[in-house]
Amino acid sequence: MKEAHDRQLRVLAVDPHSRGLGYAVFEGPATLVDWGTKDVRRDKERAALRKIEELILLYQPAVIVVEDCAHRKSRRRSRIRQLTERILLAARDLAVEGGAVPRAAVYRTFRGTGAGTKYGIATALVRAFPELMVRLPPKRKPWQTEDSRMSIFDAVALGLTYFRSLRHAETARPRIANRHT
């Protein structure tokens, strides 16, 4: 029964970054409904929250998933840490459950694919969802900044990690909770 519930669960995964955010909408772990990026230029926090609220109203997800920036190994800047907390608060205000997934759990989820880097995870995601191929940026050189399209792949990876956590025992589950209840 839980597996049937997983297939029907609509999840919005969001990955905010310095220039906007990437998002992915799932209906169960095997169905990617929509994905993309939203750019924000001015008043970044307010604009990002507005875009996320629009996505929530459009897709009506049961759960919104973000990176767990409170995790001890999180390398996110303070502005993004605060934004993820505000995203979870905004979700709660719209009656949407919030979930936070540590980046380490994402890497554990994709360990079996041989993906040890963000780009490796992105290529594994393209194998699972070929429709993402057109959005895969070229491999980044060490001196280049990260392409904003990578946030789509980060969001997809967060969503899949969330679904994986639903199928595992409580002890193996990454920390996923609505911290604002």
N, C-alpha and C. Protein backbone atom coordinates (compact mmCIF):
# COMPACT_ATOMS: atom_id res chain seq x y z
N MET A 1 0.82 -1.20 0.00
CA MET A 1 0.00 0.00 0.00
C MET A 1 0.86 1.26 0.00
N LYS A 2 1.96 1.23 0.77
CA LYS A 2 2.84 2.39 0.82
C LYS A 2 3.44 2.67 -0.56
N GLU A 3 3.78 1.60 -1.30
CA GLU A 3 4.33 1.79 -2.63
C GLU A 3 3.33 2.47 -3.55
N ALA A 4 2.06 2.11 -3.46
CA ALA A 4 1.03 2.76 -4.26
C ALA A 4 0.92 4.23 -3.88
N HIS A 5 1.04 4.52 -2.58
CA HIS A 5 1.00 5.91 -2.12
C HIS A 5 2.18 6.69 -2.69
N ASP A 6 3.38 6.10 -2.70
CA ASP A 6 4.57 6.75 -3.25
C ASP A 6 4.35 7.13 -4.71
N ARG A 7 3.70 6.25 -5.49
CA ARG A 7 3.49 6.51 -6.91
C ARG A 7 2.57 7.72 -7.13
N GLN A 8 1.65 7.97 -6.21
CA GLN A 8 0.68 9.04 -6.39
C GLN A 8 1.11 10.34 -5.71
N LEU A 9 2.11 10.30 -4.86
CA LEU A 9 2.53 11.46 -4.08
C LEU A 9 3.15 12.52 -4.98
N ARG A 10 2.58 13.72 -4.96
CA ARG A 10 3.14 14.83 -5.75
C ARG A 10 4.13 15.59 -4.88
N VAL A 11 5.35 15.69 -5.35
CA VAL A 11 6.44 16.33 -4.63
C VAL A 11 7.03 17.44 -5.49
N LEU A 12 7.24 18.59 -4.86
CA LEU A 12 7.94 19.71 -5.48
C LEU A 12 9.30 19.81 -4.79
N ALA A 13 10.36 19.58 -5.54
CA ALA A 13 11.72 19.70 -5.01
C ALA A 13 12.31 21.01 -5.52
N VAL A 14 12.92 21.77 -4.63
CA VAL A 14 13.42 23.10 -4.97
C VAL A 14 14.88 23.22 -4.54
N ASP A 15 15.69 23.78 -5.43
CA ASP A 15 17.11 24.03 -5.14
C ASP A 15 17.42 25.50 -5.39
N PRO A 16 17.37 26.34 -4.33
CA PRO A 16 17.72 27.75 -4.53
C PRO A 16 19.23 27.93 -4.69
N HIS A 17 19.59 28.93 -5.46
CA HIS A 17 21.01 29.27 -5.63
C HIS A 17 21.12 30.78 -5.77
N SER A 18 22.31 31.28 -6.01
CA SER A 18 22.56 32.72 -5.98
C SER A 18 21.79 33.50 -7.04
N ARG A 19 21.45 32.88 -8.16
CA ARG A 19 20.77 33.60 -9.25
C ARG A 19 19.31 33.22 -9.42
N GLY A 20 18.79 32.38 -8.54
CA GLY A 20 17.40 31.96 -8.67
C GLY A 20 17.17 30.62 -8.02
N LEU A 21 16.48 29.73 -8.74
CA LEU A 21 16.22 28.41 -8.19
C LEU A 21 15.91 27.43 -9.31
N GLY A 22 16.20 26.17 -9.01
CA GLY A 22 15.82 25.07 -9.89
C GLY A 22 14.70 24.32 -9.20
N TYR A 23 13.84 23.70 -9.98
CA TYR A 23 12.74 22.95 -9.39
C TYR A 23 12.44 21.71 -10.21
N ALA A 24 11.81 20.74 -9.55
CA ALA A 24 11.34 19.53 -10.21
C ALA A 24 10.04 19.12 -9.52
N VAL A 25 9.08 18.69 -10.32
CA VAL A 25 7.79 18.24 -9.81
C VAL A 25 7.65 16.76 -10.17
N PHE A 26 7.37 15.94 -9.15
CA PHE A 26 7.21 14.50 -9.33
C PHE A 26 5.80 14.07 -8.98
N GLU A 27 5.33 13.04 -9.63
CA GLU A 27 4.18 12.27 -9.18
C GLU A 27 4.70 10.86 -9.00
N GLY A 28 5.22 10.60 -7.82
CA GLY A 28 5.89 9.35 -7.56
C GLY A 28 7.32 9.40 -8.06
N PRO A 29 8.13 8.43 -7.68
CA PRO A 29 9.55 8.48 -8.01
C PRO A 29 9.88 8.26 -9.48
N ALA A 30 8.95 7.71 -10.25
CA ALA A 30 9.26 7.41 -11.65
C ALA A 30 8.65 8.40 -12.63
N THR A 31 7.88 9.36 -12.14
CA THR A 31 7.21 10.29 -13.04
C THR A 31 7.62 11.73 -12.75
N LEU A 32 8.40 12.27 -13.65
CA LEU A 32 8.83 13.65 -13.57
C LEU A 32 7.84 14.49 -14.39
N VAL A 33 7.07 15.32 -13.71
CA VAL A 33 6.00 16.08 -14.34
C VAL A 33 6.52 17.36 -15.00
N ASP A 34 7.37 18.09 -14.28
CA ASP A 34 7.90 19.35 -14.81
C ASP A 34 9.22 19.65 -14.12
N TRP A 35 10.02 20.49 -14.74
CA TRP A 35 11.30 20.88 -14.19
C TRP A 35 11.70 22.19 -14.86
N GLY A 36 12.60 22.90 -14.22
CA GLY A 36 13.06 24.13 -14.83
C GLY A 36 13.80 25.00 -13.85
N THR A 37 14.09 26.22 -14.28
CA THR A 37 14.74 27.21 -13.43
C THR A 37 13.89 28.47 -13.41
N LYS A 38 14.03 29.20 -12.35
CA LYS A 38 13.40 30.51 -12.22
C LYS A 38 14.51 31.48 -11.83
N ASP A 39 14.68 32.53 -12.63
CA ASP A 39 15.69 33.54 -12.33
C ASP A 39 15.10 34.60 -11.41
N VAL A 40 15.93 35.08 -10.49
CA VAL A 40 15.56 36.22 -9.66
C VAL A 40 16.72 37.19 -9.67
N ARG A 41 16.42 38.46 -9.85
CA ARG A 41 17.47 39.46 -9.97
C ARG A 41 17.45 40.46 -8.83
N ARG A 42 16.29 41.02 -8.53
CA ARG A 42 16.19 42.03 -7.48
C ARG A 42 15.37 41.48 -6.34
N ASP A 43 15.67 41.95 -5.15
CA ASP A 43 14.95 41.51 -3.95
C ASP A 43 14.85 39.98 -3.99
N LYS A 44 16.00 39.34 -4.01
CA LYS A 44 16.11 37.92 -4.30
C LYS A 44 15.27 37.02 -3.40
N GLU A 45 15.28 37.29 -2.10
CA GLU A 45 14.53 36.41 -1.20
C GLU A 45 13.03 36.50 -1.46
N ARG A 46 12.51 37.71 -1.52
CA ARG A 46 11.08 37.89 -1.75
C ARG A 46 10.66 37.34 -3.12
N ALA A 47 11.48 37.61 -4.14
CA ALA A 47 11.16 37.13 -5.48
C ALA A 47 11.20 35.61 -5.55
N ALA A 48 12.19 35.00 -4.91
CA ALA A 48 12.28 33.54 -4.89
C ALA A 48 11.08 32.93 -4.18
N LEU A 49 10.70 33.50 -3.05
CA LEU A 49 9.52 32.99 -2.32
C LEU A 49 8.25 33.15 -3.15
N ARG A 50 8.14 34.24 -3.88
CA ARG A 50 6.97 34.45 -4.73
C ARG A 50 6.92 33.38 -5.83
N LYS A 51 8.06 33.09 -6.42
CA LYS A 51 8.11 32.07 -7.48
C LYS A 51 7.75 30.69 -6.92
N ILE A 52 8.23 30.39 -5.72
CA ILE A 52 7.92 29.10 -5.10
C ILE A 52 6.44 29.01 -4.77
N GLU A 53 5.87 30.09 -4.26
CA GLU A 53 4.43 30.09 -3.98
C GLU A 53 3.64 29.87 -5.27
N GLU A 54 4.07 30.47 -6.37
CA GLU A 54 3.41 30.25 -7.66
C GLU A 54 3.47 28.78 -8.07
N LEU A 55 4.65 28.15 -7.86
CA LEU A 55 4.79 26.73 -8.18
C LEU A 55 3.89 25.88 -7.31
N ILE A 56 3.80 26.22 -6.03
CA ILE A 56 2.94 25.48 -5.11
C ILE A 56 1.48 25.61 -5.55
N LEU A 57 1.06 26.82 -5.87
CA LEU A 57 -0.33 27.02 -6.30
C LEU A 57 -0.63 26.32 -7.63
N LEU A 58 0.35 26.29 -8.52
CA LEU A 58 0.16 25.66 -9.82
C LEU A 58 0.09 24.14 -9.70
N TYR A 59 1.03 23.54 -8.96
CA TYR A 59 1.15 22.08 -8.93
C TYR A 59 0.48 21.40 -7.73
N GLN A 60 0.12 22.16 -6.71
CA GLN A 60 -0.56 21.61 -5.53
C GLN A 60 0.17 20.37 -4.98
N PRO A 61 1.47 20.49 -4.65
CA PRO A 61 2.18 19.32 -4.14
C PRO A 61 1.75 18.98 -2.71
N ALA A 62 1.94 17.71 -2.34
CA ALA A 62 1.71 17.29 -0.96
C ALA A 62 2.92 17.62 -0.11
N VAL A 63 4.10 17.63 -0.75
CA VAL A 63 5.36 17.85 -0.04
C VAL A 63 6.25 18.76 -0.87
N ILE A 64 6.96 19.66 -0.19
CA ILE A 64 8.02 20.43 -0.83
C ILE A 64 9.32 20.00 -0.17
N VAL A 65 10.33 19.72 -0.99
CA VAL A 65 11.61 19.21 -0.50
C VAL A 65 12.71 20.21 -0.84
N VAL A 66 13.55 20.49 0.15
CA VAL A 66 14.72 21.36 -0.03
C VAL A 66 15.93 20.65 0.57
N GLU A 67 17.10 21.19 0.30
CA GLU A 67 18.31 20.66 0.94
C GLU A 67 18.28 21.02 2.42
N ASP A 68 18.75 20.12 3.24
CA ASP A 68 18.84 20.36 4.68
C ASP A 68 20.08 21.21 4.95
N CYS A 69 19.91 22.51 4.93
CA CYS A 69 21.03 23.43 5.14
C CYS A 69 21.44 23.52 6.60
N ALA A 70 20.65 22.96 7.50
CA ALA A 70 21.01 22.94 8.91
C ALA A 70 21.93 21.76 9.22
N HIS A 71 22.09 20.86 8.27
CA HIS A 71 22.97 19.71 8.46
C HIS A 71 24.40 20.19 8.67
N ARG A 72 25.13 19.53 9.52
CA ARG A 72 26.48 19.99 9.88
C ARG A 72 27.44 20.04 8.70
N LYS A 73 27.20 19.27 7.68
CA LYS A 73 28.10 19.27 6.52
C LYS A 73 27.62 20.17 5.38
N SER A 74 26.54 20.89 5.59
CA SER A 74 26.04 21.78 4.55
C SER A 74 27.04 22.90 4.30
N ARG A 75 27.25 23.21 3.02
CA ARG A 75 28.20 24.26 2.64
C ARG A 75 27.48 25.48 2.07
N ARG A 76 26.20 25.57 2.31
CA ARG A 76 25.42 26.68 1.77
C ARG A 76 25.70 27.98 2.51
N ARG A 77 25.64 29.07 1.80
CA ARG A 77 25.83 30.39 2.39
C ARG A 77 24.62 30.74 3.25
N SER A 78 24.83 31.70 4.14
CA SER A 78 23.78 32.04 5.11
C SER A 78 22.50 32.52 4.43
N ARG A 79 22.61 33.27 3.32
CA ARG A 79 21.40 33.74 2.63
C ARG A 79 20.56 32.58 2.14
N ILE A 80 21.21 31.56 1.58
CA ILE A 80 20.48 30.39 1.08
C ILE A 80 19.95 29.56 2.24
N ARG A 81 20.71 29.47 3.32
CA ARG A 81 20.23 28.75 4.52
C ARG A 81 18.94 29.40 5.03
N GLN A 82 18.95 30.71 5.13
CA GLN A 82 17.76 31.42 5.60
C GLN A 82 16.60 31.27 4.61
N LEU A 83 16.92 31.30 3.34
CA LEU A 83 15.88 31.16 2.33
C LEU A 83 15.22 29.78 2.41
N THR A 84 15.99 28.73 2.60
CA THR A 84 15.38 27.40 2.70
C THR A 84 14.47 27.31 3.92
N GLU A 85 14.84 27.94 5.01
CA GLU A 85 13.96 27.97 6.18
C GLU A 85 12.67 28.72 5.85
N ARG A 86 12.77 29.82 5.14
CA ARG A 86 11.59 30.60 4.77
C ARG A 86 10.72 29.84 3.76
N ILE A 87 11.35 29.03 2.91
CA ILE A 87 10.59 28.20 1.97
C ILE A 87 9.73 27.21 2.75
N LEU A 88 10.32 26.58 3.75
CA LEU A 88 9.56 25.62 4.55
C LEU A 88 8.42 26.30 5.31
N LEU A 89 8.67 27.51 5.80
CA LEU A 89 7.61 28.27 6.48
C LEU A 89 6.48 28.63 5.51
N ALA A 90 6.85 29.08 4.32
CA ALA A 90 5.85 29.44 3.32
C ALA A 90 5.03 28.21 2.92
N ALA A 91 5.69 27.07 2.79
CA ALA A 91 4.98 25.83 2.46
C ALA A 91 3.97 25.49 3.55
N ARG A 92 4.39 25.60 4.80
CA ARG A 92 3.49 25.32 5.90
C ARG A 92 2.28 26.25 5.87
N ASP A 93 2.52 27.52 5.59
CA ASP A 93 1.42 28.48 5.51
C ASP A 93 0.43 28.12 4.40
N LEU A 94 0.91 27.42 3.38
CA LEU A 94 0.04 27.00 2.28
C LEU A 94 -0.43 25.55 2.46
N ALA A 95 -0.27 25.02 3.67
CA ALA A 95 -0.71 23.66 4.02
C ALA A 95 0.01 22.57 3.23
N VAL A 96 1.30 22.79 2.96
CA VAL A 96 2.12 21.81 2.27
C VAL A 96 3.18 21.33 3.25
N GLU A 97 3.35 20.01 3.33
CA GLU A 97 4.37 19.45 4.21
C GLU A 97 5.75 19.82 3.69
N GLY A 98 6.67 20.11 4.59
CA GLY A 98 8.03 20.44 4.20
C GLY A 98 8.99 19.33 4.55
N GLY A 99 9.97 19.12 3.70
CA GLY A 99 11.00 18.12 3.95
C GLY A 99 12.37 18.67 3.65
N ALA A 100 13.34 18.25 4.44
CA ALA A 100 14.72 18.68 4.24
C ALA A 100 15.60 17.44 4.10
N VAL A 101 16.37 17.38 3.04
CA VAL A 101 17.22 16.23 2.73
C VAL A 101 18.68 16.68 2.76
N PRO A 102 19.52 16.05 3.58
CA PRO A 102 20.95 16.42 3.57
C PRO A 102 21.63 16.05 2.25
N ARG A 103 22.56 16.86 1.83
CA ARG A 103 23.30 16.60 0.59
C ARG A 103 24.00 15.24 0.66
N ALA A 104 24.46 14.85 1.85
CA ALA A 104 25.13 13.54 2.00
C ALA A 104 24.18 12.40 1.64
N ALA A 105 22.89 12.54 1.95
CA ALA A 105 21.91 11.50 1.61
C ALA A 105 21.75 11.40 0.10
N VAL A 106 21.86 12.52 -0.60
CA VAL A 106 21.77 12.51 -2.07
C VAL A 106 22.94 11.69 -2.62
N TYR A 107 24.14 11.93 -2.13
CA TYR A 107 25.30 11.18 -2.62
C TYR A 107 25.16 9.69 -2.30
N ARG A 108 24.60 9.36 -1.13
CA ARG A 108 24.38 7.94 -0.79
C ARG A 108 23.37 7.32 -1.75
N THR A 109 22.35 8.06 -2.11
CA THR A 109 21.33 7.55 -3.02
C THR A 109 21.93 7.18 -4.37
N PHE A 110 22.89 7.96 -4.85
CA PHE A 110 23.45 7.74 -6.18
C PHE A 110 24.78 7.00 -6.15
N ARG A 111 25.20 6.55 -5.00
CA ARG A 111 26.47 5.82 -4.88
C ARG A 111 26.50 4.60 -5.80
N GLY A 112 25.40 3.87 -5.89
CA GLY A 112 25.35 2.66 -6.71
C GLY A 112 25.47 2.92 -8.21
N THR A 113 25.27 4.15 -8.64
CA THR A 113 25.37 4.48 -10.07
C THR A 113 26.81 4.83 -10.45
N GLY A 114 27.69 4.89 -9.47
CA GLY A 114 29.06 5.28 -9.74
C GLY A 114 29.26 6.78 -9.77
N ALA A 115 28.20 7.53 -9.45
CA ALA A 115 28.26 8.99 -9.48
C ALA A 115 28.82 9.51 -8.17
N GLY A 116 29.98 10.13 -8.22
CA GLY A 116 30.59 10.69 -7.02
C GLY A 116 30.66 12.20 -7.03
N THR A 117 30.17 12.80 -8.12
CA THR A 117 30.19 14.26 -8.25
C THR A 117 28.80 14.73 -8.66
N LYS A 118 28.59 16.04 -8.56
CA LYS A 118 27.30 16.60 -9.00
C LYS A 118 27.07 16.30 -10.48
N TYR A 119 28.11 16.41 -11.29
CA TYR A 119 27.94 16.14 -12.71
C TYR A 119 27.67 14.66 -12.95
N GLY A 120 28.31 13.80 -12.18
CA GLY A 120 28.04 12.36 -12.29
C GLY A 120 26.60 12.04 -11.93
N ILE A 121 26.09 12.69 -10.90
CA ILE A 121 24.68 12.50 -10.53
C ILE A 121 23.78 13.00 -11.66
N ALA A 122 24.13 14.14 -12.24
CA ALA A 122 23.32 14.70 -13.33
C ALA A 122 23.27 13.74 -14.51
N THR A 123 24.38 13.12 -14.86
CA THR A 123 24.38 12.18 -15.99
C THR A 123 23.59 10.92 -15.63
N ALA A 124 23.64 10.48 -14.38
CA ALA A 124 22.81 9.35 -13.95
C ALA A 124 21.33 9.71 -14.05
N LEU A 125 20.99 10.95 -13.73
CA LEU A 125 19.60 11.39 -13.84
C LEU A 125 19.14 11.43 -15.30
N VAL A 126 20.03 11.79 -16.20
CA VAL A 126 19.69 11.81 -17.62
C VAL A 126 19.41 10.38 -18.11
N ARG A 127 20.14 9.40 -17.57
CA ARG A 127 19.85 8.01 -17.94
C ARG A 127 18.46 7.59 -17.44
N ALA A 128 18.07 8.07 -16.26
CA ALA A 128 16.76 7.73 -15.71
C ALA A 128 15.63 8.53 -16.35
N PHE A 129 15.92 9.78 -16.70
CA PHE A 129 14.93 10.67 -17.30
C PHE A 129 15.55 11.31 -18.55
N PRO A 130 15.52 10.61 -19.68
CA PRO A 130 16.17 11.12 -20.91
C PRO A 130 15.68 12.50 -21.34
N GLU A 131 14.48 12.89 -20.94
CA GLU A 131 13.96 14.20 -21.31
C GLU A 131 14.79 15.34 -20.72
N LEU A 132 15.62 15.04 -19.72
CA LEU A 132 16.48 16.07 -19.11
C LEU A 132 17.75 16.34 -19.92
N MET A 133 18.04 15.50 -20.91
CA MET A 133 19.29 15.62 -21.66
C MET A 133 19.49 17.01 -22.25
N VAL A 134 18.43 17.63 -22.75
CA VAL A 134 18.56 18.94 -23.39
C VAL A 134 18.95 20.02 -22.37
N ARG A 135 18.77 19.77 -21.09
CA ARG A 135 19.10 20.76 -20.06
C ARG A 135 20.46 20.50 -19.40
N LEU A 136 21.12 19.39 -19.76
CA LEU A 136 22.41 19.05 -19.14
C LEU A 136 23.50 19.96 -19.68
N PRO A 137 24.10 20.78 -18.79
CA PRO A 137 25.18 21.65 -19.27
C PRO A 137 26.46 20.84 -19.48
N PRO A 138 27.42 21.40 -20.20
CA PRO A 138 28.70 20.70 -20.36
C PRO A 138 29.40 20.59 -19.00
N LYS A 139 30.29 19.62 -18.90
CA LYS A 139 31.04 19.44 -17.65
C LYS A 139 31.83 20.71 -17.36
N ARG A 140 31.75 21.12 -16.12
CA ARG A 140 32.36 22.38 -15.70
C ARG A 140 33.87 22.22 -15.51
N LYS A 141 34.60 23.20 -15.95
CA LYS A 141 36.05 23.26 -15.69
C LYS A 141 36.26 23.85 -14.30
N PRO A 142 37.37 23.55 -13.65
CA PRO A 142 37.57 24.03 -12.27
C PRO A 142 37.49 25.55 -12.11
N TRP A 143 37.83 26.31 -13.13
CA TRP A 143 37.83 27.77 -13.02
C TRP A 143 36.48 28.40 -13.38
N GLN A 144 35.53 27.58 -13.83
CA GLN A 144 34.23 28.10 -14.23
C GLN A 144 33.24 28.09 -13.06
N THR A 145 32.28 29.01 -13.12
CA THR A 145 31.20 28.97 -12.13
C THR A 145 30.18 27.92 -12.59
N GLU A 146 29.40 27.45 -11.65
CA GLU A 146 28.42 26.41 -11.96
C GLU A 146 27.30 26.97 -12.83
N ASP A 147 26.94 26.25 -13.85
CA ASP A 147 25.84 26.62 -14.73
C ASP A 147 24.54 26.55 -13.93
N SER A 148 23.67 27.54 -14.08
CA SER A 148 22.43 27.59 -13.30
C SER A 148 21.52 26.40 -13.61
N ARG A 149 21.68 25.77 -14.77
CA ARG A 149 20.87 24.59 -15.11
C ARG A 149 21.16 23.40 -14.20
N MET A 150 22.32 23.40 -13.55
CA MET A 150 22.64 22.30 -12.62
C MET A 150 21.66 22.26 -11.45
N SER A 151 21.02 23.39 -11.15
CA SER A 151 20.06 23.40 -10.05
C SER A 151 18.83 22.55 -10.37
N ILE A 152 18.52 22.35 -11.65
CA ILE A 152 17.44 21.43 -12.02
C ILE A 152 17.81 20.03 -11.57
N PHE A 153 19.04 19.62 -11.86
CA PHE A 153 19.49 18.28 -11.52
C PHE A 153 19.61 18.10 -10.00
N ASP A 154 20.01 19.17 -9.32
CA ASP A 154 20.03 19.11 -7.85
C ASP A 154 18.62 18.92 -7.29
N ALA A 155 17.65 19.60 -7.88
CA ALA A 155 16.26 19.46 -7.43
C ALA A 155 15.74 18.05 -7.71
N VAL A 156 16.02 17.52 -8.89
CA VAL A 156 15.58 16.16 -9.22
C VAL A 156 16.21 15.16 -8.26
N ALA A 157 17.49 15.33 -7.98
CA ALA A 157 18.19 14.43 -7.05
C ALA A 157 17.59 14.51 -5.64
N LEU A 158 17.25 15.72 -5.20
CA LEU A 158 16.60 15.86 -3.89
C LEU A 158 15.26 15.13 -3.86
N GLY A 159 14.48 15.28 -4.92
CA GLY A 159 13.18 14.61 -4.99
C GLY A 159 13.32 13.10 -4.96
N LEU A 160 14.23 12.55 -5.74
CA LEU A 160 14.42 11.10 -5.75
C LEU A 160 14.94 10.59 -4.41
N THR A 161 15.80 11.36 -3.78
CA THR A 161 16.30 10.96 -2.46
C THR A 161 15.17 10.96 -1.44
N TYR A 162 14.27 11.92 -1.55
CA TYR A 162 13.10 11.95 -0.67
C TYR A 162 12.26 10.68 -0.85
N PHE A 163 11.96 10.31 -2.09
CA PHE A 163 11.18 9.10 -2.33
C PHE A 163 11.90 7.85 -1.82
N ARG A 164 13.20 7.80 -2.01
CA ARG A 164 13.98 6.66 -1.51
C ARG A 164 13.85 6.56 0.01
N SER A 165 13.87 7.71 0.67
CA SER A 165 13.79 7.71 2.13
C SER A 165 12.44 7.18 2.62
N LEU A 166 11.40 7.35 1.82
CA LEU A 166 10.08 6.85 2.22
C LEU A 166 10.04 5.33 2.23
N ARG A 167 10.91 4.69 1.43
CA ARG A 167 10.90 3.24 1.32
C ARG A 167 11.86 2.55 2.28
N HIS A 168 12.64 3.29 3.02
CA HIS A 168 13.61 2.68 3.93
C HIS A 168 13.16 2.78 5.37
N ALA A 169 13.74 1.93 6.18
CA ALA A 169 13.42 1.94 7.61
C ALA A 169 13.83 3.27 8.23
N GLU A 170 13.22 3.63 9.33
CA GLU A 170 13.47 4.91 10.01
C GLU A 170 14.96 5.13 10.30
N THR A 171 15.69 4.09 10.62
CA THR A 171 17.11 4.24 10.96
C THR A 171 17.96 4.56 9.74
N ALA A 172 17.54 4.14 8.55
CA ALA A 172 18.33 4.40 7.34
C ALA A 172 17.87 5.67 6.63
N ARG A 173 16.84 6.29 7.13
CA ARG A 173 16.21 7.44 6.47
C ARG A 173 17.04 8.71 6.69
N PRO A 174 17.25 9.50 5.63
CA PRO A 174 17.86 10.81 5.85
C PRO A 174 16.89 11.69 6.63
N ARG A 175 17.40 12.71 7.25
CA ARG A 175 16.56 13.56 8.06
C ARG A 175 15.60 14.33 7.18
N ILE A 176 14.34 13.94 7.27
CA ILE A 176 13.29 14.59 6.49
C ILE A 176 12.18 14.89 7.47
N ALA A 177 11.96 16.14 7.69
CA ALA A 177 10.92 16.49 8.66
C ALA A 177 10.46 17.90 8.40
N ASN A 178 9.27 18.17 8.82
CA ASN A 178 8.77 19.53 8.80
C ASN A 178 9.18 20.14 10.12
N ARG A 179 10.22 20.92 10.09
CA ARG A 179 10.77 21.47 11.33
C ARG A 179 9.94 22.61 11.88
N HIS A 180 8.92 23.02 11.17
CA HIS A 180 8.17 24.19 11.57
C HIS A 180 6.73 23.86 11.94
N THR A 181 6.53 22.74 12.61
CA THR A 181 5.16 22.40 13.02
C THR A 181 4.98 22.68 14.49
